């Protein structure tokens, strides 16, 4: 049969072609191998699981366990499509309690890679299966006797070697290895009673011993010792389900959802509603724009959830999702109120916290910078701004906006003013200008003599911060937990290697781990963005061989400046307007004008009061 023609006729694909296409729904990259094979290891009752990868997992991915193993007759058919011991009929889908149940994984893997399985039920008799990718000369299965302790080892080699078109879309080896590690962490979070090891290119990169609680596993897998003491675990129940929520205090908040997880019956799933519940339940207890660190564990009666709606079981349909959402929010909100979560940093047990307002630590006007035990520092400019102040203390204690702006502007620009900016600087401009209010959540409105000024609050604040950053040497804040990342090209790797001394001068501390993997160890104290945005911003500097410092400071200023729609109190807004008039260069670092002006004469002509 010629399958290459396109005459519109419907054909039944040859089995070897159909199997490779279907395999893509289950195995799209090495991390999927880790996910599927670790599922099988856990289902076998393993107490220890080790994952080893080479070449990002495409060259080799191997998963070993000490579980129940398989008999020879099971081994001979386990790789066939839909061969499974976990269900026998459609009705079993309503009560399935295992991680894997479709019998797709081994079949899909053998269609696109070389598969070897060595297994023993008792450590006495052991057998090995070898089968190659579908359509290859090694495609037939071979079974032979071997020596092995009780359990199973599955080795997958040469992923997509027989499908070059698919293999070329894999990321660099280091990036794929990071995804493999994350797939293992996803499983480890759900099964704290199981020991996990992750070995990359012959080196042990992660060891998670068995622990009694989900909280301990979450901390060991994702946080450092310094942050672990601020993590709590709470419990709740509902009709047909129970909840366990691991949540960090405000000391370890993040700027994105990278450290937020939802795990249902041992599977990490994508469920925006429960991520939202994690944030709703802790609303008001974290600085503006930050998110809690944590995981929502749902243990539910299998009859009340459908795990069969996604090929990789990443999504679940709950029979009563609103009830789970409400229970999560209620449990978190009650715990936050009861335990005074987000209190002072004197200790994770709440000692030394104040009782006013919502229990946030008291900040006094003469206090120095507040040091929070978190991995990602808040921007200095953000600390001075109203949104951070509003989040961190009761309204009555908020300092005036003018004091806040004075704190922000305590180091004035050191370069001389340029000749005649758009609005005369000094007393003749700022001294007689009058702040009137805001418009559209974007502009500050000011009047001077016979002119009306619309000041772009983001552009003005951005330029103020930029000038301040340029005028002082960066203060580096080292991260409590260095952030690992992988480059995606040789050019990015070379850029980091060659320019790391210059990056250090900008307050960016990085360390090379090898094989395209790096550690981010420090950032400027004024840096505000989350981890992924930080890495992307650093790598983007590679296109700025000249003017790298200007671009970095502009990026920092843009990230920290007040955004469109941010509400400034009148004192802060007036002080920012005056600071804008004092700017030597009334343009943002990206070149946009800070303000526009309209004369009284132009207004009168616009309303036809003057010809």
Protein backbone atom coordinates (compact mmCIF):
# COMPACT_ATOMS: atom_id res chain seq x y z
CA UNK A 1 0.00 0.00 0.00
CA UNK A 2 1.35 3.41 -0.98
CA UNK A 3 0.88 5.65 2.07
CA UNK A 4 2.67 8.60 0.51
CA UNK A 5 -0.02 9.62 -1.99
CA UNK A 6 -2.47 12.44 -1.30
CA UNK A 7 -5.48 11.58 -3.44
CA UNK A 8 -7.96 12.03 -0.62
CA UNK A 9 -8.60 8.30 -0.12
CA UNK A 10 -8.91 6.95 3.42
CA UNK A 11 -6.46 4.19 4.30
CA UNK A 12 -5.61 2.09 7.29
CA UNK A 13 -2.04 2.88 8.26
CA UNK A 14 0.48 0.06 8.59
CA UNK A 15 0.85 -1.02 12.24
CA UNK A 16 4.43 0.22 12.55
CA UNK A 17 3.40 3.70 11.37
CA UNK A 18 0.29 3.85 13.56
CA UNK A 19 2.26 2.78 16.64
CA UNK A 20 4.83 5.53 16.16
CA UNK A 21 2.13 8.18 15.79
CA UNK A 22 0.25 6.92 18.84
CA UNK A 23 3.48 6.82 20.81
CA UNK A 24 3.73 10.60 20.48
CA UNK A 25 0.63 11.02 22.65
CA UNK A 26 2.42 9.28 25.53
CA UNK A 27 6.15 9.75 24.86
CA UNK A 28 6.96 13.16 23.44
CA UNK A 29 10.35 13.65 25.15
CA UNK A 30 12.67 11.94 27.69
CA UNK A 31 10.80 13.46 30.64
CA UNK A 32 7.72 11.49 29.55
CA UNK A 33 9.78 8.30 29.87
CA UNK A 34 10.62 9.24 33.44
CA UNK A 35 6.99 10.03 34.23
CA UNK A 36 5.61 6.77 32.84
CA UNK A 37 8.32 4.45 34.15
CA UNK A 38 8.34 5.93 37.65
CA UNK A 39 4.54 5.47 37.71
CA UNK A 40 5.08 1.76 37.04
CA UNK A 41 7.77 1.54 39.72
CA UNK A 42 5.51 3.12 42.34
CA UNK A 43 2.58 0.91 41.33
CA UNK A 44 4.84 -2.11 41.90
CA UNK A 45 5.15 -1.18 45.57
CA UNK A 46 8.76 0.01 45.36
CA UNK A 47 10.36 1.60 48.42
CA UNK A 48 13.37 2.82 46.40
CA UNK A 49 13.39 4.26 42.87
CA UNK A 50 16.42 5.44 40.92
CA UNK A 51 16.32 7.35 37.64
CA UNK A 52 19.49 7.63 35.53
CA UNK A 53 19.75 9.64 32.30
CA UNK A 54 22.46 10.16 29.71
CA UNK A 55 22.45 12.67 26.89
CA UNK A 56 19.44 14.45 28.35
CA UNK A 57 17.60 11.12 28.49
CA UNK A 58 17.47 10.63 24.72
CA UNK A 59 20.66 8.58 24.72
CA UNK A 60 19.60 6.54 27.75
CA UNK A 61 16.90 6.69 30.41
CA UNK A 62 16.93 3.98 33.04
CA UNK A 63 14.55 3.44 35.97
CA UNK A 64 15.31 0.84 38.65
CA UNK A 65 13.14 -0.18 41.59
CA UNK A 66 12.84 -2.80 44.32
CA UNK A 67 9.16 -3.47 43.69
CA UNK A 68 7.25 -6.68 43.07
CA UNK A 69 8.84 -7.46 39.69
CA UNK A 70 7.29 -9.62 36.93
CA UNK A 71 7.16 -13.29 36.07
CA UNK A 72 8.48 -14.50 32.71
CA UNK A 73 5.01 -14.88 31.18
CA UNK A 74 4.13 -11.31 32.20
CA UNK A 75 7.41 -9.96 30.84
CA UNK A 76 6.82 -11.55 27.44
CA UNK A 77 3.62 -9.58 26.81
CA UNK A 78 4.02 -6.43 28.94
CA UNK A 79 5.22 -4.39 25.95
CA UNK A 80 2.21 -5.18 23.74
CA UNK A 81 -0.46 -2.48 23.23
CA UNK A 82 -2.85 -2.16 26.16
CA UNK A 83 -1.26 -5.00 28.12
CA UNK A 84 -1.96 -4.18 31.77
CA UNK A 85 -2.54 -5.85 35.13
CA UNK A 86 -4.40 -2.88 36.56
CA UNK A 87 -7.82 -3.04 34.92
CA UNK A 88 -9.81 -5.78 33.21
CA UNK A 89 -12.85 -3.89 31.91
CA UNK A 90 -14.43 -0.48 31.38
CA UNK A 91 -16.10 -0.60 34.78
CA UNK A 92 -12.67 -0.67 36.45
CA UNK A 93 -11.98 2.86 35.19
CA UNK A 94 -14.44 4.13 37.79
CA UNK A 95 -12.41 2.75 40.71
CA UNK A 96 -8.82 2.73 39.44
CA UNK A 97 -6.32 3.57 42.19
CA UNK A 98 -3.02 2.96 40.39
CA UNK A 99 -1.00 5.65 38.60
CA UNK A 100 -0.86 3.74 35.31
CA UNK A 101 -3.72 1.67 33.99
CA UNK A 102 -4.01 1.92 30.20
CA UNK A 103 -1.15 -0.36 29.23
CA UNK A 104 0.17 2.21 26.77
CA UNK A 105 3.55 3.22 28.16
CA UNK A 106 5.80 0.23 27.35
CA UNK A 107 4.14 -0.28 23.99
CA UNK A 108 4.59 3.39 23.09
CA UNK A 109 8.23 3.35 24.20
CA UNK A 110 9.08 0.22 22.21
CA UNK A 111 7.66 1.90 19.10
CA UNK A 112 10.20 4.74 19.19
CA UNK A 113 13.24 3.40 21.10
CA UNK A 114 15.17 0.28 22.12
CA UNK A 115 13.62 -1.16 25.26
CA UNK A 116 15.19 -3.52 27.78
CA UNK A 117 13.49 -4.81 30.93
CA UNK A 118 15.23 -6.93 33.56
CA UNK A 119 12.95 -8.17 36.33
CA UNK A 120 12.63 -10.67 39.17
CA UNK A 121 9.80 -11.41 41.58
CA UNK A 122 11.95 -13.01 44.30
CA UNK A 123 15.61 -12.38 43.49
CA UNK A 124 16.05 -15.99 42.48
CA UNK A 125 14.74 -16.34 38.94
CA UNK A 126 15.24 -13.25 36.75
CA UNK A 127 14.50 -12.54 33.10
CA UNK A 128 15.36 -9.86 30.56
CA UNK A 129 13.25 -8.63 27.64
CA UNK A 130 14.81 -6.75 24.70
CA UNK A 131 12.76 -5.23 21.92
CA UNK A 132 13.67 -2.60 19.32
CA UNK A 133 11.67 0.21 17.74
CA UNK A 134 8.73 -0.76 15.55
CA UNK A 135 9.72 -1.55 11.98
CA UNK A 136 13.42 -2.02 12.80
CA UNK A 137 15.38 -5.29 12.46
CA UNK A 138 15.40 -5.49 16.27
CA UNK A 139 11.62 -5.09 16.43
CA UNK A 140 10.99 -8.64 17.61
CA UNK A 141 11.04 -9.28 21.34
CA UNK A 142 13.71 -11.53 22.87
CA UNK A 143 13.59 -12.96 26.39
CA UNK A 144 16.56 -14.48 28.19
CA UNK A 145 17.60 -15.41 31.71
CA UNK A 146 19.73 -12.94 33.74
CA UNK A 147 20.78 -12.29 37.33
CA UNK A 148 18.98 -9.60 39.25
CA UNK A 149 17.70 -8.85 42.74
CA UNK A 150 13.98 -8.51 43.38
CA UNK A 151 12.47 -5.64 41.39
CA UNK A 152 12.66 -4.23 37.88
CA UNK A 153 15.08 -2.20 35.78
CA UNK A 154 13.82 -0.64 32.55
CA UNK A 155 16.35 0.85 30.13
CA UNK A 156 15.31 2.96 27.14
CA UNK A 157 18.05 3.77 24.61
CA UNK A 158 18.14 5.78 21.40
CA UNK A 159 14.85 7.63 21.82
CA UNK A 160 13.55 8.77 18.40
CA UNK A 161 16.65 7.46 16.59
CA UNK A 162 14.26 5.85 14.12
CA UNK A 163 12.26 9.12 13.76
CA UNK A 164 14.77 11.92 13.04
CA UNK A 165 11.94 14.36 12.27
CA UNK A 166 10.76 14.11 15.87
CA UNK A 167 14.20 13.98 17.45
CA UNK A 168 15.25 17.33 15.99
CA UNK A 169 12.61 19.09 18.09
CA UNK A 170 14.15 18.00 21.39
CA UNK A 171 15.90 20.69 23.39
CA UNK A 172 19.59 20.69 24.23
CA UNK A 173 20.70 17.79 26.41
CA UNK A 174 21.01 19.95 29.53
CA UNK A 175 17.52 21.36 29.07
CA UNK A 176 16.00 17.91 28.56
CA UNK A 177 17.82 16.67 31.67
CA UNK A 178 16.28 19.49 33.71
CA UNK A 179 12.83 18.37 32.54
CA UNK A 180 13.62 14.77 33.48
CA UNK A 181 14.63 15.87 36.96
CA UNK A 182 11.42 17.88 37.32
CA UNK A 183 9.35 14.86 36.26
CA UNK A 184 10.98 12.87 39.05
CA UNK A 185 10.37 15.66 41.57
CA UNK A 186 6.68 15.74 40.57
CA UNK A 187 6.40 12.06 41.51
CA UNK A 188 8.54 12.37 44.62
CA UNK A 189 6.31 15.11 46.04
CA UNK A 190 3.35 12.75 45.94
CA UNK A 191 5.12 9.79 47.59
CA UNK A 192 7.25 10.95 50.54
CA UNK A 193 7.46 7.40 51.92
CA UNK A 194 9.50 6.33 48.86
CA UNK A 195 13.23 7.02 48.42
CA UNK A 196 14.21 8.62 45.11
CA UNK A 197 17.55 9.14 43.40
CA UNK A 198 18.32 11.06 40.23
CA UNK A 199 21.60 10.38 38.39
CA UNK A 200 22.62 12.52 35.42
CA UNK A 201 25.53 11.42 33.21
CA UNK A 202 26.89 9.22 35.97
CA UNK A 203 26.63 11.84 38.75
CA UNK A 204 24.10 11.75 41.59
CA UNK A 205 22.24 15.06 41.29
CA UNK A 206 19.32 14.52 43.66
CA UNK A 207 18.77 12.25 46.65
CA UNK A 208 15.45 12.29 48.49
CA UNK A 209 15.34 9.82 51.37
CA UNK A 210 11.99 8.55 52.58
CA UNK A 211 10.29 10.93 55.03
CA UNK A 212 7.04 10.67 57.00
CA UNK A 213 5.27 13.82 55.79
CA UNK A 214 4.50 15.64 52.58
CA UNK A 215 5.79 18.84 54.12
CA UNK A 216 9.24 17.34 54.69
CA UNK A 217 9.38 16.01 51.14
CA UNK A 218 8.27 19.35 49.67
CA UNK A 219 11.00 21.18 51.57
CA UNK A 220 13.70 18.64 50.72
CA UNK A 221 12.84 18.62 47.02
CA UNK A 222 12.25 22.31 46.40
CA UNK A 223 13.57 24.48 49.23
CA UNK A 224 16.67 24.93 51.33
CA UNK A 225 17.02 24.45 55.07
CA UNK A 226 16.72 28.18 55.70
CA UNK A 227 13.30 28.31 54.03
CA UNK A 228 11.97 24.99 55.31
CA UNK A 229 11.27 26.36 58.78
CA UNK A 230 8.66 28.71 57.33
CA UNK A 231 6.61 25.93 55.68
CA UNK A 232 3.40 24.55 57.22
CA UNK A 233 1.04 21.66 56.48
CA UNK A 234 -2.70 21.84 57.12
CA UNK A 235 -5.50 19.34 56.65
CA UNK A 236 -9.18 19.38 55.74
CA UNK A 237 -11.88 16.93 54.67
CA UNK A 238 -14.99 16.97 52.55
CA UNK A 239 -17.53 14.53 51.20
CA UNK A 240 -15.52 11.80 49.50
CA UNK A 241 -12.17 13.63 49.66
CA UNK A 242 -9.49 14.85 52.03
CA UNK A 243 -7.00 17.68 51.60
CA UNK A 244 -3.44 18.23 52.69
CA UNK A 245 -2.04 21.67 51.90
CA UNK A 246 1.65 22.44 52.22
CA UNK A 247 2.11 26.21 52.24
CA UNK A 248 4.98 28.60 52.91
CA UNK A 249 4.77 31.73 54.99
CA UNK A 250 5.20 35.20 53.54
CA UNK A 251 8.95 34.94 54.19
CA UNK A 252 9.39 32.73 51.10
CA UNK A 253 6.92 34.11 48.59
CA UNK A 254 7.71 34.05 44.86
CA UNK A 255 6.81 36.15 41.84
CA UNK A 256 5.31 33.32 39.80
CA UNK A 257 3.64 29.90 40.19
CA UNK A 258 6.72 27.76 39.56
CA UNK A 259 6.64 26.43 43.13
CA UNK A 260 2.90 25.81 43.22
CA UNK A 261 1.63 22.26 42.73
CA UNK A 262 -1.66 20.43 42.63
CA UNK A 263 -1.45 16.67 43.21
CA UNK A 264 -4.51 14.44 43.02
CA UNK A 265 -4.30 10.78 44.06
CA UNK A 266 -0.56 10.80 43.53
CA UNK A 267 -0.53 12.59 40.17
CA UNK A 268 0.56 16.16 39.54
CA UNK A 269 -2.25 17.73 37.53
CA UNK A 270 -3.01 21.01 35.83
CA UNK A 271 -5.87 22.59 37.74
CA UNK A 272 -6.05 26.37 37.70
CA UNK A 273 -9.00 26.40 40.10
CA UNK A 274 -6.98 24.82 42.90
CA UNK A 275 -3.94 27.00 42.22
CA UNK A 276 -6.34 29.91 42.49
CA UNK A 277 -7.65 28.48 45.78
CA UNK A 278 -4.11 28.40 47.17
CA UNK A 279 -3.82 32.13 46.48
CA UNK A 280 -7.36 33.06 47.52
CA UNK A 281 -6.92 31.33 50.85
CA UNK A 282 -3.79 33.36 51.63
CA UNK A 283 -4.94 36.60 50.00
CA UNK A 284 -3.69 39.73 51.74
CA UNK A 285 -0.81 38.02 53.52
CA UNK A 286 1.87 38.46 50.91
CA UNK A 287 3.47 41.57 49.36
CA UNK A 288 1.70 42.88 46.29
CA UNK A 289 2.45 40.90 43.14
CA UNK A 290 3.90 37.91 44.99
CA UNK A 291 2.51 34.39 45.28
CA UNK A 292 2.62 31.71 47.96
CA UNK A 293 4.81 28.65 47.70
CA UNK A 294 2.95 25.41 48.25
CA UNK A 295 1.12 22.30 47.10
CA UNK A 296 -2.50 21.21 47.32
CA UNK A 297 -2.85 17.44 47.75
CA UNK A 298 -6.28 15.98 46.98
CA UNK A 299 -6.99 12.41 48.02
CA UNK A 300 -10.36 11.56 46.50
CA UNK A 301 -12.59 8.56 46.04
CA UNK A 302 -11.74 7.32 42.49
CA UNK A 303 -15.45 7.16 41.76
CA UNK A 304 -15.65 10.94 42.17
CA UNK A 305 -12.90 11.79 39.66
CA UNK A 306 -12.11 10.90 36.05
CA UNK A 307 -8.38 10.53 35.37
CA UNK A 308 -8.95 9.22 31.84
CA UNK A 309 -9.47 12.53 30.02
CA UNK A 310 -5.82 13.26 29.10
CA UNK A 311 -3.24 10.91 27.45
CA UNK A 312 -0.64 11.75 30.11
CA UNK A 313 -3.24 12.02 32.91
CA UNK A 314 -2.30 15.68 33.51
CA UNK A 315 -5.92 16.72 33.86
CA UNK A 316 -8.69 15.40 36.10
CA UNK A 317 -12.43 15.97 36.03
CA UNK A 318 -13.79 16.16 39.57
CA UNK A 319 -17.46 15.39 40.15
CA UNK A 320 -17.73 18.32 42.60
CA UNK A 321 -14.80 20.63 41.87
CA UNK A 322 -16.36 23.69 43.61
CA UNK A 323 -16.54 21.79 46.90
CA UNK A 324 -12.80 21.02 46.75
CA UNK A 325 -12.04 24.63 45.86
CA UNK A 326 -14.14 25.97 48.76
CA UNK A 327 -12.61 23.53 51.25
CA UNK A 328 -9.10 24.56 50.18
CA UNK A 329 -9.79 28.28 50.49
CA UNK A 330 -11.55 27.87 53.83
CA UNK A 331 -8.81 25.69 55.33
CA UNK A 332 -6.08 28.12 54.29
CA UNK A 333 -7.95 31.22 55.41
CA UNK A 334 -8.74 29.70 58.81
CA UNK A 335 -5.16 28.61 59.30
CA UNK A 336 -3.78 32.00 58.29
CA UNK A 337 -6.00 33.79 60.79
CA UNK A 338 -5.36 31.29 63.57
CA UNK A 339 -1.61 30.97 63.25
CA UNK A 340 -0.91 34.60 62.29
CA UNK A 341 0.90 33.41 59.18
CA UNK A 342 2.91 36.23 57.64
CA UNK A 343 3.93 37.60 61.02
CA UNK A 344 7.35 38.84 62.01
CA UNK A 345 10.53 37.06 61.10
CA UNK A 346 11.56 36.34 64.68
CA UNK A 347 10.62 32.71 64.21
CA UNK A 348 8.36 30.39 62.28
CA UNK A 349 6.37 29.63 65.41
CA UNK A 350 5.05 33.18 65.43
CA UNK A 351 7.21 34.43 68.31
CA UNK A 352 7.85 38.14 68.18
CA UNK A 353 5.09 39.01 65.72
CA UNK A 354 2.77 41.95 66.23
CA UNK A 355 -0.98 41.54 66.65
CA UNK A 356 -2.19 44.62 64.81
CA UNK A 357 -4.11 44.63 61.56
CA UNK A 358 -3.56 41.30 59.86
CA UNK A 359 -0.53 40.42 61.97
CA UNK A 360 2.12 41.82 59.66
CA UNK A 361 5.41 42.93 61.21
CA UNK A 362 5.52 46.51 62.39
CA UNK A 363 7.69 48.79 60.26
CA UNK A 364 8.80 52.03 61.83
CA UNK A 365 9.83 55.13 59.98
CA UNK A 366 13.45 54.93 61.14
CA UNK A 367 13.86 51.22 60.46
CA UNK A 368 16.54 50.24 58.00
CA UNK A 369 15.87 47.97 55.02
CA UNK A 370 13.79 44.95 56.02
CA UNK A 371 15.64 41.70 55.34
CA UNK A 372 13.30 38.86 54.46
CA UNK A 373 14.55 35.24 54.41
CA UNK A 374 13.51 34.70 50.82
CA UNK A 375 15.34 33.66 47.69
CA UNK A 376 14.18 36.57 45.52
CA UNK A 377 14.55 40.13 46.88
CA UNK A 378 11.93 42.81 46.47
CA UNK A 379 13.06 45.93 44.65
CA UNK A 380 14.20 48.86 46.76
CA UNK A 381 11.94 51.07 44.73
CA UNK A 382 9.03 48.72 45.37
CA UNK A 383 9.73 48.88 49.10
CA UNK A 384 9.35 52.64 48.88
CA UNK A 385 6.19 52.51 46.79
CA UNK A 386 2.61 52.49 48.09
CA UNK A 387 1.61 48.99 46.99
CA UNK A 388 4.32 47.32 49.06
CA UNK A 389 3.52 49.55 52.04
CA UNK A 390 -0.20 48.87 51.74
CA UNK A 391 0.43 45.13 51.75
CA UNK A 392 2.90 45.09 54.64
CA UNK A 393 1.27 47.22 57.37
CA UNK A 394 -2.03 48.82 58.43
CA UNK A 395 -3.16 51.94 56.61
CA UNK A 396 -2.62 54.14 59.66
CA UNK A 397 1.09 53.34 59.66
CA UNK A 398 1.78 54.15 56.01
CA UNK A 399 4.29 56.92 55.71
CA UNK A 400 3.50 59.86 53.48
CA UNK A 401 4.20 59.52 49.79
CA UNK A 402 6.69 62.37 49.98
CA UNK A 403 8.79 60.52 52.55
CA UNK A 404 8.61 57.43 50.39
CA UNK A 405 9.84 59.30 47.34
CA UNK A 406 12.61 60.94 49.39
CA UNK A 407 13.76 57.46 50.39
CA UNK A 408 13.69 56.46 46.74
CA UNK A 409 15.62 59.54 45.68
CA UNK A 410 18.20 59.59 48.47
CA UNK A 411 20.96 59.27 45.87
CA UNK A 412 20.58 61.89 43.21
CA UNK A 413 21.98 61.52 39.68
CA UNK A 414 25.63 62.53 39.53
CA UNK A 415 25.83 63.74 35.95
CA UNK A 416 25.37 67.39 34.99
CA UNK A 417 21.99 68.49 33.56
CA UNK A 418 21.79 68.76 29.79
CA UNK A 419 21.06 72.14 28.21
CA UNK A 420 17.39 73.14 28.42
CA UNK A 421 15.24 70.03 28.88
CA UNK A 422 11.67 70.09 27.58
CA UNK A 423 10.47 71.73 30.80
CA UNK A 424 12.88 74.10 32.54
CA UNK A 425 14.47 72.37 35.51
CA UNK A 426 15.01 73.81 38.96
CA UNK A 427 12.86 76.32 40.80
CA UNK A 428 11.32 77.81 37.69
CA UNK A 429 9.73 74.49 36.79
CA UNK A 430 9.20 72.25 39.77
CA UNK A 431 8.76 75.05 42.27
CA UNK A 432 5.71 76.52 40.60
CA UNK A 433 4.19 73.28 39.32
CA UNK A 434 1.02 72.05 41.01
CA UNK A 435 -0.08 68.41 41.07
CA UNK A 436 -3.77 68.07 40.14
CA UNK A 437 -4.54 64.34 40.07
CA UNK A 438 -4.42 61.26 37.84
CA UNK A 439 -6.05 60.25 34.58
CA UNK A 440 -6.86 56.80 33.18
CA UNK A 441 -4.62 55.10 35.74
CA UNK A 442 -1.68 56.07 33.52
CA UNK A 443 -0.96 59.77 33.81
CA UNK A 444 -0.19 62.23 36.56
CA UNK A 445 -1.71 65.62 35.80
CA UNK A 446 0.18 68.80 36.79
CA UNK A 447 -0.15 72.52 36.02
CA UNK A 448 2.58 75.13 35.72
CA UNK A 449 1.86 78.67 34.68
CA UNK A 450 -0.17 78.41 31.47
CA UNK A 451 0.72 74.79 30.70
CA UNK A 452 -0.89 71.49 31.58
CA UNK A 453 1.36 68.42 31.82
CA UNK A 454 0.38 64.77 31.42
CA UNK A 455 3.17 62.73 33.01
CA UNK A 456 3.48 59.04 32.17
CA UNK A 457 3.82 57.61 35.68
CA UNK A 458 5.60 54.44 34.53
CA UNK A 459 8.06 56.26 32.27
CA UNK A 460 8.81 58.86 34.94
CA UNK A 461 9.32 56.31 37.72
CA UNK A 462 11.37 54.15 35.36
CA UNK A 463 13.72 57.04 34.56
CA UNK A 464 14.06 58.00 38.23
CA UNK A 465 15.01 54.42 39.17
CA UNK A 466 17.34 54.11 36.16
CA UNK A 467 19.26 57.25 37.10
CA UNK A 468 19.54 56.07 40.67
CA UNK A 469 20.82 52.64 39.66
CA UNK A 470 23.41 54.13 37.31
CA UNK A 471 24.67 56.40 40.10
CA UNK A 472 25.66 53.64 42.53
CA UNK A 473 27.48 50.35 42.51
CA UNK A 474 25.07 47.40 42.60
CA UNK A 475 24.52 45.75 45.97
CA UNK A 476 24.35 42.00 45.46
CA UNK A 477 21.87 39.87 47.36
CA UNK A 478 22.89 36.23 47.31
CA UNK A 479 20.08 33.74 46.89
CA UNK A 480 19.44 31.38 49.77
CA UNK A 481 18.77 28.66 47.20
CA UNK A 482 20.76 29.06 43.94
CA UNK A 483 18.47 28.76 40.92
CA UNK A 484 19.53 26.19 38.28
CA UNK A 485 18.91 26.88 34.61
CA UNK A 486 20.04 25.54 31.25
CA UNK A 487 21.11 27.40 28.14
CA UNK A 488 19.48 26.42 24.86
CA UNK A 489 22.35 27.10 22.46
CA UNK A 490 26.12 27.18 22.28
CA UNK A 491 25.92 30.94 21.74
CA UNK A 492 24.14 31.47 25.06
CA UNK A 493 26.64 29.22 26.82
CA UNK A 494 29.59 31.11 25.32
CA UNK A 495 28.07 34.46 26.20
CA UNK A 496 27.72 33.53 29.88
CA UNK A 497 31.21 32.05 30.02
CA UNK A 498 32.88 35.05 28.36
CA UNK A 499 30.94 37.85 30.03
CA UNK A 500 30.46 36.49 33.57
CA UNK A 501 32.97 39.03 35.04
CA UNK A 502 31.00 41.90 33.47
CA UNK A 503 27.75 40.38 34.68
CA UNK A 504 29.20 40.25 38.19
CA UNK A 505 29.90 44.00 37.94
CA UNK A 506 26.18 44.42 37.29
CA UNK A 507 25.31 42.40 40.39
CA UNK A 508 24.59 39.12 38.57
CA UNK A 509 26.41 36.14 40.07
CA UNK A 510 26.38 32.93 38.04
CA UNK A 511 28.30 29.67 38.32
CA UNK A 512 28.95 27.20 35.56
CA UNK A 513 27.96 23.60 36.30
CA UNK A 514 28.93 22.22 32.90
CA UNK A 515 27.01 20.69 29.98
CA UNK A 516 25.02 23.87 29.43
CA UNK A 517 23.82 24.03 33.05
CA UNK A 518 24.33 27.09 35.26
CA UNK A 519 23.44 28.28 38.74
CA UNK A 520 22.16 31.79 39.41
CA UNK A 521 23.61 32.62 42.83
CA UNK A 522 22.97 36.34 43.26
CA UNK A 523 21.06 39.29 41.84
CA UNK A 524 21.08 43.03 42.54
CA UNK A 525 19.08 43.96 45.63
CA UNK A 526 16.86 46.16 43.47
CA UNK A 527 15.91 43.35 41.09
CA UNK A 528 12.24 42.43 41.23
CA UNK A 529 11.33 39.88 38.54
CA UNK A 530 10.72 36.17 39.09
CA UNK A 531 13.20 33.38 38.35
CA UNK A 532 12.26 32.59 34.75
CA UNK A 533 12.08 36.26 33.76
CA UNK A 534 15.44 36.88 35.43
CA UNK A 535 17.15 34.13 33.44
CA UNK A 536 15.53 35.30 30.21
CA UNK A 537 16.61 38.89 30.85
CA UNK A 538 20.20 37.80 31.51
CA UNK A 539 20.37 35.68 28.36
CA UNK A 540 18.83 38.50 26.32
CA UNK A 541 21.87 40.63 27.21
CA UNK A 542 23.84 38.42 24.81
CA UNK A 543 22.46 40.46 21.93
CA UNK A 544 23.81 43.66 23.50
CA UNK A 545 27.56 43.27 23.11
CA UNK A 546 27.80 47.04 23.40
CA UNK A 547 25.79 48.91 26.00
CA UNK A 548 25.06 45.79 28.04
CA UNK A 549 24.99 47.75 31.30
CA UNK A 550 22.53 50.30 29.92
CA UNK A 551 20.20 47.55 28.79
CA UNK A 552 20.39 45.73 32.13
CA UNK A 553 19.72 48.85 34.17
CA UNK A 554 16.85 49.76 31.86
CA UNK A 555 15.36 46.28 32.34
CA UNK A 556 15.73 46.56 36.12
CA UNK A 557 14.12 49.98 36.16
CA UNK A 558 11.23 48.88 33.96
CA UNK A 559 10.55 45.86 36.17
CA UNK A 560 10.58 47.88 39.40
CA UNK A 561 8.69 50.97 38.25
CA UNK A 562 5.02 51.65 38.95
CA UNK A 563 2.88 50.03 36.28
CA UNK A 564 -0.14 51.30 34.37
CA UNK A 565 -3.12 51.09 36.67
CA UNK A 566 -1.10 51.16 39.89
CA UNK A 567 -2.84 53.52 42.34
CA UNK A 568 -0.47 56.01 43.96
CA UNK A 569 -1.52 58.01 46.98
CA UNK A 570 -1.54 61.77 46.47
CA UNK A 571 1.71 62.40 48.34
CA UNK A 572 3.66 59.81 46.33
CA UNK A 573 2.11 60.95 43.05
CA UNK A 574 2.94 64.61 43.72
CA UNK A 575 6.51 63.73 44.67
CA UNK A 576 6.91 61.62 41.54
CA UNK A 577 5.59 64.47 39.40
CA UNK A 578 8.13 66.86 40.90
CA UNK A 579 10.90 64.27 40.42
CA UNK A 580 9.87 64.01 36.77
CA UNK A 581 10.27 67.77 36.30
CA UNK A 582 13.74 67.57 37.89
CA UNK A 583 14.98 64.87 35.49
CA UNK A 584 18.04 65.95 33.48
CA UNK A 585 16.83 63.72 30.63
CA UNK A 586 13.02 63.67 30.47
CA UNK A 587 12.81 60.38 28.61
CA UNK A 588 12.54 56.82 29.89
CA UNK A 589 15.60 54.56 29.35
CA UNK A 590 13.91 53.16 26.23
CA UNK A 591 13.53 56.59 24.67
CA UNK A 592 9.86 57.42 25.30
CA UNK A 593 9.04 60.95 26.53
CA UNK A 594 8.17 61.23 30.20
CA UNK A 595 5.46 63.84 29.62
CA UNK A 596 3.51 65.84 27.08
CA UNK A 597 2.43 69.44 27.53
CA UNK A 598 -0.65 71.37 26.46
CA UNK A 599 -0.68 75.14 26.61
CA UNK A 600 -3.67 77.16 27.79
CA UNK A 601 -3.80 78.73 24.36
CA UNK A 602 -4.15 75.27 22.75
CA UNK A 603 -6.95 74.32 25.15
CA UNK A 604 -8.85 77.55 24.46
CA UNK A 605 -8.56 76.98 20.73
CA UNK A 606 -9.72 73.36 21.13
CA UNK A 607 -13.00 74.42 22.75
CA UNK A 608 -13.43 77.34 20.34
CA UNK A 609 -13.02 79.96 23.05
CA UNK A 610 -10.24 81.48 21.02
CA UNK A 611 -9.65 81.66 17.31
